[in-house]
N, C-alpha and C. Protein backbone atom coordinates (compact mmCIF):
# COMPACT_ATOMS: atom_id res chain seq x y z
N MET A 1 -12.02 121.24 138.49
CA MET A 1 -12.55 120.01 137.98
C MET A 1 -11.44 119.24 137.25
N VAL A 2 -11.44 117.90 137.38
CA VAL A 2 -10.43 117.05 136.79
C VAL A 2 -10.88 116.64 135.40
N SER A 3 -9.93 116.69 134.47
CA SER A 3 -10.28 116.33 133.10
C SER A 3 -10.46 114.81 132.96
N THR A 4 -11.13 114.40 131.90
CA THR A 4 -11.37 112.97 131.67
C THR A 4 -10.08 112.23 131.36
N LYS A 5 -9.12 112.89 130.72
CA LYS A 5 -7.84 112.23 130.41
C LYS A 5 -7.10 111.88 131.70
N ILE A 6 -7.12 112.78 132.66
CA ILE A 6 -6.44 112.52 133.94
C ILE A 6 -7.16 111.40 134.69
N LEU A 7 -8.47 111.40 134.66
CA LEU A 7 -9.24 110.33 135.32
C LEU A 7 -8.95 108.97 134.69
N ILE A 8 -8.84 108.93 133.37
CA ILE A 8 -8.54 107.67 132.68
C ILE A 8 -7.15 107.19 133.06
N ARG A 9 -6.17 108.10 133.09
CA ARG A 9 -4.81 107.72 133.48
C ARG A 9 -4.77 107.19 134.91
N MET A 10 -5.50 107.86 135.81
CA MET A 10 -5.53 107.41 137.21
C MET A 10 -6.18 106.04 137.32
N ALA A 11 -7.25 105.81 136.57
CA ALA A 11 -7.93 104.52 136.61
C ALA A 11 -7.02 103.41 136.11
N ARG A 12 -6.29 103.67 135.02
CA ARG A 12 -5.35 102.66 134.50
C ARG A 12 -4.25 102.37 135.50
N LYS A 13 -3.76 103.41 136.15
CA LYS A 13 -2.70 103.23 137.15
C LYS A 13 -3.21 102.37 138.30
N TRP A 14 -4.42 102.62 138.78
CA TRP A 14 -4.99 101.83 139.86
C TRP A 14 -5.24 100.39 139.44
N GLN A 15 -5.65 100.19 138.18
CA GLN A 15 -5.86 98.83 137.69
C GLN A 15 -4.54 98.07 137.64
N LYS A 16 -3.46 98.73 137.21
CA LYS A 16 -2.15 98.07 137.18
C LYS A 16 -1.69 97.72 138.58
N LEU A 17 -1.85 98.63 139.53
CA LEU A 17 -1.46 98.35 140.91
C LEU A 17 -2.28 97.21 141.50
N ALA A 18 -3.57 97.18 141.20
CA ALA A 18 -4.42 96.10 141.70
C ALA A 18 -4.00 94.76 141.10
N ALA A 19 -3.65 94.75 139.81
CA ALA A 19 -3.21 93.52 139.15
C ALA A 19 -1.90 93.02 139.75
N ILE A 20 -0.99 93.93 140.06
CA ILE A 20 0.28 93.54 140.67
C ILE A 20 0.02 92.92 142.04
N GLY A 21 -0.87 93.52 142.80
CA GLY A 21 -1.22 92.99 144.12
C GLY A 21 -1.84 91.61 144.04
N ARG A 22 -2.70 91.39 143.06
CA ARG A 22 -3.32 90.07 142.88
C ARG A 22 -2.28 89.04 142.52
N ARG A 23 -1.33 89.39 141.66
CA ARG A 23 -0.29 88.44 141.27
C ARG A 23 0.54 88.04 142.47
N ARG A 24 0.88 88.98 143.32
CA ARG A 24 1.67 88.66 144.50
C ARG A 24 0.92 87.72 145.43
N ILE A 25 -0.33 87.97 145.59
CA ILE A 25 -1.12 87.13 146.50
C ILE A 25 -1.23 85.71 145.96
N THR A 26 -1.54 85.55 144.69
CA THR A 26 -1.72 84.21 144.15
C THR A 26 -0.41 83.46 144.04
N SER A 27 0.70 84.14 143.77
CA SER A 27 1.95 83.42 143.62
C SER A 27 2.51 82.96 144.96
N SER A 28 2.12 83.61 146.05
CA SER A 28 2.64 83.23 147.35
C SER A 28 1.75 82.22 148.08
N LEU A 29 0.67 81.79 147.46
CA LEU A 29 -0.23 80.87 148.13
C LEU A 29 0.41 79.51 148.37
N VAL A 30 1.02 78.95 147.36
CA VAL A 30 1.59 77.62 147.48
C VAL A 30 2.97 77.60 146.86
N ASP A 31 3.92 77.06 147.59
CA ASP A 31 5.27 76.91 147.04
C ASP A 31 5.28 75.84 145.96
N LYS A 32 6.26 75.92 145.10
CA LYS A 32 6.41 74.93 144.05
C LYS A 32 6.67 73.56 144.70
N GLY A 33 6.01 72.53 144.17
CA GLY A 33 6.18 71.19 144.70
C GLY A 33 5.25 70.87 145.86
N HIS A 34 4.23 71.68 146.07
CA HIS A 34 3.27 71.47 147.15
C HIS A 34 1.84 71.60 146.61
N PHE A 35 0.87 71.09 147.36
CA PHE A 35 -0.53 71.27 147.03
C PHE A 35 -1.30 71.57 148.31
N VAL A 36 -2.49 72.10 148.13
CA VAL A 36 -3.30 72.54 149.27
C VAL A 36 -4.49 71.61 149.45
N ILE A 37 -4.74 71.24 150.69
CA ILE A 37 -5.95 70.49 151.03
C ILE A 37 -6.60 71.18 152.23
N TYR A 38 -7.86 70.90 152.42
CA TYR A 38 -8.59 71.40 153.58
C TYR A 38 -9.15 70.22 154.34
N THR A 39 -9.36 70.40 155.62
CA THR A 39 -9.98 69.37 156.44
C THR A 39 -11.45 69.73 156.65
N THR A 40 -12.19 68.84 157.28
CA THR A 40 -13.61 69.09 157.46
C THR A 40 -13.89 70.29 158.36
N ASP A 41 -12.94 70.66 159.20
CA ASP A 41 -13.13 71.84 160.04
C ASP A 41 -12.53 73.10 159.40
N LYS A 42 -12.36 73.06 158.08
CA LYS A 42 -11.96 74.20 157.24
C LYS A 42 -10.54 74.70 157.50
N LYS A 43 -9.67 73.86 158.01
CA LYS A 43 -8.26 74.24 158.19
C LYS A 43 -7.50 73.92 156.91
N ARG A 44 -6.57 74.79 156.57
CA ARG A 44 -5.81 74.68 155.33
C ARG A 44 -4.44 74.08 155.61
N PHE A 45 -4.04 73.11 154.78
CA PHE A 45 -2.73 72.47 154.90
C PHE A 45 -2.02 72.51 153.55
N VAL A 46 -0.74 72.84 153.58
CA VAL A 46 0.09 72.81 152.38
C VAL A 46 0.96 71.56 152.50
N ILE A 47 0.77 70.65 151.55
CA ILE A 47 1.38 69.32 151.61
C ILE A 47 2.38 69.16 150.47
N PRO A 48 3.56 68.56 150.75
CA PRO A 48 4.51 68.28 149.66
C PRO A 48 3.94 67.25 148.68
N LEU A 49 4.22 67.43 147.41
CA LEU A 49 3.74 66.50 146.38
C LEU A 49 4.27 65.09 146.61
N ALA A 50 5.41 64.96 147.24
CA ALA A 50 6.00 63.63 147.49
C ALA A 50 5.08 62.77 148.35
N TYR A 51 4.23 63.38 149.17
CA TYR A 51 3.32 62.62 150.01
C TYR A 51 2.23 61.92 149.21
N LEU A 52 2.04 62.30 147.96
CA LEU A 52 1.02 61.64 147.13
C LEU A 52 1.38 60.19 146.84
N ARG A 53 2.63 59.82 147.01
CA ARG A 53 3.03 58.43 146.82
C ARG A 53 2.67 57.56 148.01
N ASN A 54 2.37 58.18 149.13
CA ASN A 54 2.08 57.45 150.35
C ASN A 54 0.66 56.88 150.31
N THR A 55 0.51 55.65 150.78
CA THR A 55 -0.80 55.00 150.73
C THR A 55 -1.83 55.69 151.62
N ILE A 56 -1.38 56.34 152.68
CA ILE A 56 -2.33 57.04 153.55
C ILE A 56 -3.01 58.15 152.78
N PHE A 57 -2.23 58.95 152.04
CA PHE A 57 -2.84 60.03 151.28
C PHE A 57 -3.67 59.53 150.13
N VAL A 58 -3.25 58.44 149.51
CA VAL A 58 -4.04 57.86 148.43
C VAL A 58 -5.42 57.46 148.96
N GLU A 59 -5.45 56.80 150.11
CA GLU A 59 -6.72 56.38 150.69
C GLU A 59 -7.56 57.57 151.16
N LEU A 60 -6.90 58.59 151.73
CA LEU A 60 -7.64 59.78 152.14
C LEU A 60 -8.27 60.48 150.95
N LEU A 61 -7.55 60.53 149.84
CA LEU A 61 -8.11 61.15 148.63
C LEU A 61 -9.26 60.32 148.06
N LYS A 62 -9.17 58.99 148.14
CA LYS A 62 -10.28 58.14 147.69
C LYS A 62 -11.51 58.36 148.56
N MET A 63 -11.29 58.43 149.87
CA MET A 63 -12.42 58.67 150.78
C MET A 63 -13.02 60.05 150.53
N SER A 64 -12.18 61.02 150.24
CA SER A 64 -12.66 62.37 149.95
C SER A 64 -13.53 62.37 148.70
N GLU A 65 -13.09 61.63 147.68
CA GLU A 65 -13.87 61.55 146.45
C GLU A 65 -15.22 60.89 146.70
N GLU A 66 -15.24 59.84 147.51
CA GLU A 66 -16.50 59.16 147.82
C GLU A 66 -17.45 60.06 148.60
N GLU A 67 -16.90 60.80 149.55
CA GLU A 67 -17.75 61.59 150.43
C GLU A 67 -18.15 62.94 149.84
N PHE A 68 -17.20 63.64 149.21
CA PHE A 68 -17.45 65.00 148.75
C PHE A 68 -17.50 65.13 147.23
N GLY A 69 -17.08 64.11 146.50
CA GLY A 69 -17.01 64.19 145.04
C GLY A 69 -15.73 64.87 144.59
N LEU A 70 -15.53 64.92 143.29
CA LEU A 70 -14.33 65.57 142.74
C LEU A 70 -14.60 67.06 142.56
N PRO A 71 -13.77 67.90 143.17
CA PRO A 71 -13.99 69.34 143.01
C PRO A 71 -13.50 69.80 141.65
N SER A 72 -14.34 70.52 140.92
CA SER A 72 -13.92 71.01 139.61
C SER A 72 -13.21 72.34 139.71
N ASP A 73 -13.63 73.18 140.64
CA ASP A 73 -12.99 74.48 140.77
C ASP A 73 -12.72 74.85 142.22
N GLY A 74 -13.12 74.02 143.15
CA GLY A 74 -12.92 74.33 144.56
C GLY A 74 -11.78 73.54 145.16
N PRO A 75 -11.58 73.71 146.45
CA PRO A 75 -10.48 73.02 147.12
C PRO A 75 -10.80 71.55 147.38
N ILE A 76 -9.76 70.77 147.61
CA ILE A 76 -9.90 69.37 148.00
C ILE A 76 -10.09 69.33 149.51
N THR A 77 -11.15 68.67 149.95
CA THR A 77 -11.42 68.53 151.38
C THR A 77 -11.27 67.07 151.75
N LEU A 78 -10.42 66.80 152.74
CA LEU A 78 -10.22 65.43 153.19
C LEU A 78 -11.17 65.14 154.35
N PRO A 79 -11.63 63.89 154.47
CA PRO A 79 -12.63 63.54 155.49
C PRO A 79 -12.02 63.31 156.87
N CYS A 80 -11.29 64.29 157.37
CA CYS A 80 -10.75 64.23 158.72
C CYS A 80 -10.62 65.65 159.24
N ASP A 81 -10.44 65.79 160.54
CA ASP A 81 -10.29 67.13 161.09
C ASP A 81 -8.81 67.51 161.15
N SER A 82 -8.54 68.73 161.59
CA SER A 82 -7.17 69.25 161.57
C SER A 82 -6.28 68.53 162.58
N VAL A 83 -6.85 68.05 163.68
CA VAL A 83 -6.06 67.32 164.67
C VAL A 83 -5.54 66.01 164.06
N ALA A 84 -6.43 65.30 163.39
CA ALA A 84 -6.03 64.04 162.75
C ALA A 84 -5.01 64.31 161.64
N MET A 85 -5.21 65.39 160.87
CA MET A 85 -4.27 65.70 159.79
C MET A 85 -2.89 66.07 160.34
N ASN A 86 -2.85 66.84 161.41
CA ASN A 86 -1.56 67.16 162.03
C ASN A 86 -0.85 65.90 162.50
N TYR A 87 -1.61 64.97 163.06
CA TYR A 87 -1.03 63.71 163.51
C TYR A 87 -0.49 62.90 162.33
N ILE A 88 -1.28 62.81 161.26
CA ILE A 88 -0.85 62.07 160.08
C ILE A 88 0.40 62.69 159.48
N LEU A 89 0.45 64.01 159.38
CA LEU A 89 1.63 64.69 158.83
C LEU A 89 2.86 64.47 159.71
N SER A 90 2.67 64.49 161.02
CA SER A 90 3.83 64.26 161.89
C SER A 90 4.36 62.83 161.73
N LEU A 91 3.44 61.88 161.53
CA LEU A 91 3.89 60.50 161.30
C LEU A 91 4.61 60.36 159.95
N LEU A 92 4.09 61.02 158.93
CA LEU A 92 4.70 60.91 157.60
C LEU A 92 6.08 61.57 157.55
N GLN A 93 6.26 62.61 158.33
CA GLN A 93 7.57 63.26 158.36
C GLN A 93 8.63 62.36 158.96
N ARG A 94 8.20 61.40 159.76
CA ARG A 94 9.13 60.45 160.38
C ARG A 94 9.33 59.19 159.55
N SER A 95 8.76 59.12 158.37
CA SER A 95 8.88 57.95 157.48
C SER A 95 8.41 56.67 158.16
N LEU A 96 7.12 56.45 158.09
CA LEU A 96 6.48 55.30 158.73
C LEU A 96 6.88 53.98 158.07
N ALA A 97 6.90 52.94 158.87
CA ALA A 97 7.03 51.59 158.33
C ALA A 97 5.67 51.19 157.75
N LYS A 98 5.69 50.20 156.87
CA LYS A 98 4.45 49.78 156.19
C LYS A 98 3.38 49.29 157.16
N TYR A 99 3.78 48.57 158.20
CA TYR A 99 2.76 48.07 159.14
C TYR A 99 2.12 49.22 159.92
N LEU A 100 2.88 50.31 160.17
CA LEU A 100 2.30 51.47 160.84
C LEU A 100 1.37 52.23 159.91
N GLU A 101 1.69 52.26 158.61
CA GLU A 101 0.79 52.89 157.64
C GLU A 101 -0.56 52.17 157.64
N LYS A 102 -0.52 50.83 157.69
CA LYS A 102 -1.78 50.06 157.73
C LYS A 102 -2.57 50.37 158.99
N ALA A 103 -1.87 50.53 160.11
CA ALA A 103 -2.56 50.85 161.36
C ALA A 103 -3.21 52.22 161.28
N VAL A 104 -2.51 53.19 160.70
CA VAL A 104 -3.08 54.53 160.55
C VAL A 104 -4.29 54.48 159.62
N LEU A 105 -4.18 53.73 158.53
CA LEU A 105 -5.32 53.60 157.61
C LEU A 105 -6.52 52.97 158.29
N ASN A 106 -6.29 51.95 159.11
CA ASN A 106 -7.40 51.34 159.85
C ASN A 106 -8.03 52.32 160.82
N SER A 107 -7.19 53.14 161.46
CA SER A 107 -7.75 54.11 162.42
C SER A 107 -8.53 55.20 161.69
N VAL A 108 -8.06 55.60 160.51
CA VAL A 108 -8.79 56.59 159.73
C VAL A 108 -10.12 56.01 159.28
N ALA A 109 -10.12 54.76 158.85
CA ALA A 109 -11.36 54.11 158.43
C ALA A 109 -12.33 53.98 159.59
N SER A 110 -11.84 53.61 160.76
CA SER A 110 -12.74 53.49 161.92
C SER A 110 -13.20 54.86 162.40
N TYR A 111 -12.36 55.87 162.24
CA TYR A 111 -12.73 57.24 162.58
C TYR A 111 -13.89 57.71 161.71
N ARG A 112 -13.84 57.32 160.46
CA ARG A 112 -14.87 57.72 159.51
C ARG A 112 -16.15 56.93 159.72
N CYS A 113 -16.09 55.81 160.42
CA CYS A 113 -17.27 54.97 160.63
C CYS A 113 -18.40 55.73 161.29
N SER A 114 -18.08 56.66 162.15
CA SER A 114 -19.14 57.37 162.86
C SER A 114 -19.98 58.21 161.92
N SER A 115 -19.43 58.61 160.76
CA SER A 115 -20.19 59.46 159.85
C SER A 115 -20.81 58.69 158.69
N ASN A 116 -20.32 57.48 158.39
CA ASN A 116 -20.82 56.76 157.23
C ASN A 116 -20.88 55.27 157.56
N THR A 117 -22.06 54.75 157.82
CA THR A 117 -22.18 53.37 158.28
C THR A 117 -21.90 52.36 157.18
N SER A 118 -22.21 52.67 155.93
CA SER A 118 -21.94 51.71 154.86
C SER A 118 -20.44 51.54 154.66
N TYR A 119 -19.69 52.63 154.76
CA TYR A 119 -18.24 52.52 154.63
C TYR A 119 -17.68 51.76 155.83
N CYS A 120 -18.28 51.95 156.99
CA CYS A 120 -17.84 51.26 158.20
C CYS A 120 -17.98 49.75 158.01
N HIS A 121 -19.11 49.31 157.46
CA HIS A 121 -19.32 47.89 157.23
C HIS A 121 -18.28 47.37 156.24
N GLN A 122 -18.01 48.14 155.19
CA GLN A 122 -17.02 47.72 154.19
C GLN A 122 -15.63 47.64 154.81
N ALA A 123 -15.28 48.59 155.67
CA ALA A 123 -13.96 48.60 156.30
C ALA A 123 -13.80 47.39 157.21
N HIS A 124 -14.88 47.03 157.95
CA HIS A 124 -14.78 45.89 158.84
C HIS A 124 -14.65 44.58 158.06
N THR A 125 -15.32 44.44 156.92
CA THR A 125 -15.18 43.22 156.14
C THR A 125 -13.78 43.15 155.53
N ASP A 126 -13.22 44.31 155.12
CA ASP A 126 -11.86 44.30 154.60
C ASP A 126 -10.87 43.91 155.68
N GLN A 127 -11.07 44.40 156.91
CA GLN A 127 -10.18 44.05 158.01
C GLN A 127 -10.28 42.56 158.31
N GLN A 128 -11.50 42.00 158.24
CA GLN A 128 -11.67 40.58 158.49
C GLN A 128 -10.95 39.78 157.43
N SER A 129 -11.01 40.20 156.19
CA SER A 129 -10.33 39.45 155.13
C SER A 129 -8.82 39.54 155.32
N LEU A 130 -8.32 40.66 155.84
CA LEU A 130 -6.90 40.76 156.12
C LEU A 130 -6.50 39.80 157.23
N VAL A 131 -7.35 39.69 158.24
CA VAL A 131 -7.05 38.79 159.36
C VAL A 131 -7.08 37.35 158.89
N TYR A 132 -8.09 36.98 158.06
CA TYR A 132 -8.17 35.62 157.56
C TYR A 132 -7.04 35.29 156.60
N GLY A 133 -6.46 36.30 155.98
CA GLY A 133 -5.36 36.07 155.05
C GLY A 133 -4.09 35.62 155.74
N PHE A 134 -3.96 35.90 157.04
CA PHE A 134 -2.75 35.50 157.75
C PHE A 134 -2.88 34.10 158.22
């Protein structure tokens, strides 16, 4: 039979090993200077913080807040699927011109129209005001 002192020592040793394993897992999730977002089809993307200055990401985050609310303890979910996010990331890596950013934003807004008709109406009136502004 094993004494209680040996059982306590073994339990402490296992707790320390488990804590070390948890630290490794959490520290390797995201590199410094990056953040994590999810798409509507539950795909995970690690995005550089520098992309937060881009108007496409600003608008995607605004749409996410409108559709899903602000997450207090959960992940940020953007209102697009992984195919659209891969496309947006590939465009951002190539440093888009401002007129192309506007085109991508319009396509994201029209893409979202199928799921939210009130936002669709708002996006179309904004596009009309842009056209009338020229």
